[in-house]
Amino acid sequence: MKFLLTVIVLVSFQGCAVVAVADLAVTTAATVAKAGVKTVGAAVDLVTPDKKSENEKSKDKAKEK
């Protein structure tokens, strides 16, 4: 009886370990993807020029005067 109980407990612990490893892998992949998207977004912001419409430019000039 003790042997059966021990086997059941050990098998359940192995199941928890598998879930923990899978969760770690998914979390790591999500974090890497999120960082990659932020990096690409920052690079695009640096490369692309800021454009203002003619209407916004005229408003800015009016505020300066």
Protein backbone atom coordinates (compact mmCIF):
# COMPACT_ATOMS: atom_id res chain seq x y z
CA MET A 1 0.00 0.00 0.00
CA LYS A 2 2.79 2.43 0.88
CA PHE A 3 4.53 1.61 -2.38
CA LEU A 4 1.42 2.44 -4.41
CA LEU A 5 0.92 5.70 -2.54
CA THR A 6 4.57 6.62 -3.11
CA VAL A 7 4.29 5.90 -6.84
CA ILE A 8 1.12 8.02 -7.10
CA VAL A 9 2.76 10.94 -5.30
CA LEU A 10 5.91 10.76 -7.46
CA VAL A 11 3.90 10.62 -10.68
CA SER A 12 1.85 13.65 -9.63
CA PHE A 13 5.04 15.60 -8.86
CA GLN A 14 6.41 14.79 -12.30
CA GLY A 15 3.23 16.16 -13.83
CA CYS A 16 3.71 19.42 -11.94
CA ALA A 17 7.32 19.64 -13.11
CA VAL A 18 6.27 19.20 -16.74
CA VAL A 19 3.65 21.94 -16.41
CA ALA A 20 6.19 24.25 -14.75
CA VAL A 21 8.74 23.72 -17.52
CA ALA A 22 6.12 24.29 -20.21
CA ASP A 23 4.95 27.46 -18.47
CA LEU A 24 8.52 28.72 -18.25
CA ALA A 25 9.08 28.08 -21.96
CA VAL A 26 5.91 29.94 -22.96
CA THR A 27 6.65 32.86 -20.65
CA THR A 28 10.19 33.17 -22.00
CA ALA A 29 9.02 33.06 -25.61
CA ALA A 30 6.38 35.71 -24.93
CA THR A 31 8.89 37.98 -23.22
CA VAL A 32 11.39 37.65 -26.08
CA ALA A 33 8.70 38.38 -28.66
CA LYS A 34 7.48 41.42 -26.70
CA ALA A 35 11.01 42.80 -26.43
CA GLY A 36 11.55 42.24 -30.15
CA VAL A 37 8.39 44.13 -31.06
CA LYS A 38 9.35 47.06 -28.83
CA THR A 39 12.84 47.16 -30.34
CA VAL A 40 11.53 47.16 -33.90
CA GLY A 41 8.99 49.85 -33.01
CA ALA A 42 11.70 52.04 -31.53
CA ALA A 43 13.89 51.58 -34.60
CA VAL A 44 11.02 52.51 -36.92
CA ASP A 45 10.32 55.63 -34.84
CA LEU A 46 13.96 56.68 -35.19
CA VAL A 47 14.09 56.12 -38.94
CA THR A 48 10.77 57.64 -39.99
CA PRO A 49 10.51 61.43 -39.96
CA ASP A 50 7.78 63.21 -38.04
CA LYS A 51 5.32 64.76 -40.43
CA LYS A 52 2.99 67.59 -39.61
CA SER A 53 0.20 68.70 -41.82
CA GLU A 54 0.24 72.21 -43.23
CA ASN A 55 -2.63 73.11 -40.90
CA GLU A 56 -0.64 72.08 -37.80
CA LYS A 57 2.42 73.99 -39.01
CA SER A 58 0.40 77.18 -39.46
CA LYS A 59 -1.09 76.78 -35.97
CA ASP A 60 2.39 76.38 -34.50
CA LYS A 61 3.61 79.54 -36.27
CA ALA A 62 0.57 81.48 -35.03
CA LYS A 63 1.27 80.41 -31.44
CA GLU A 64 4.88 81.60 -31.71
CA LYS A 65 3.83 85.12 -32.73
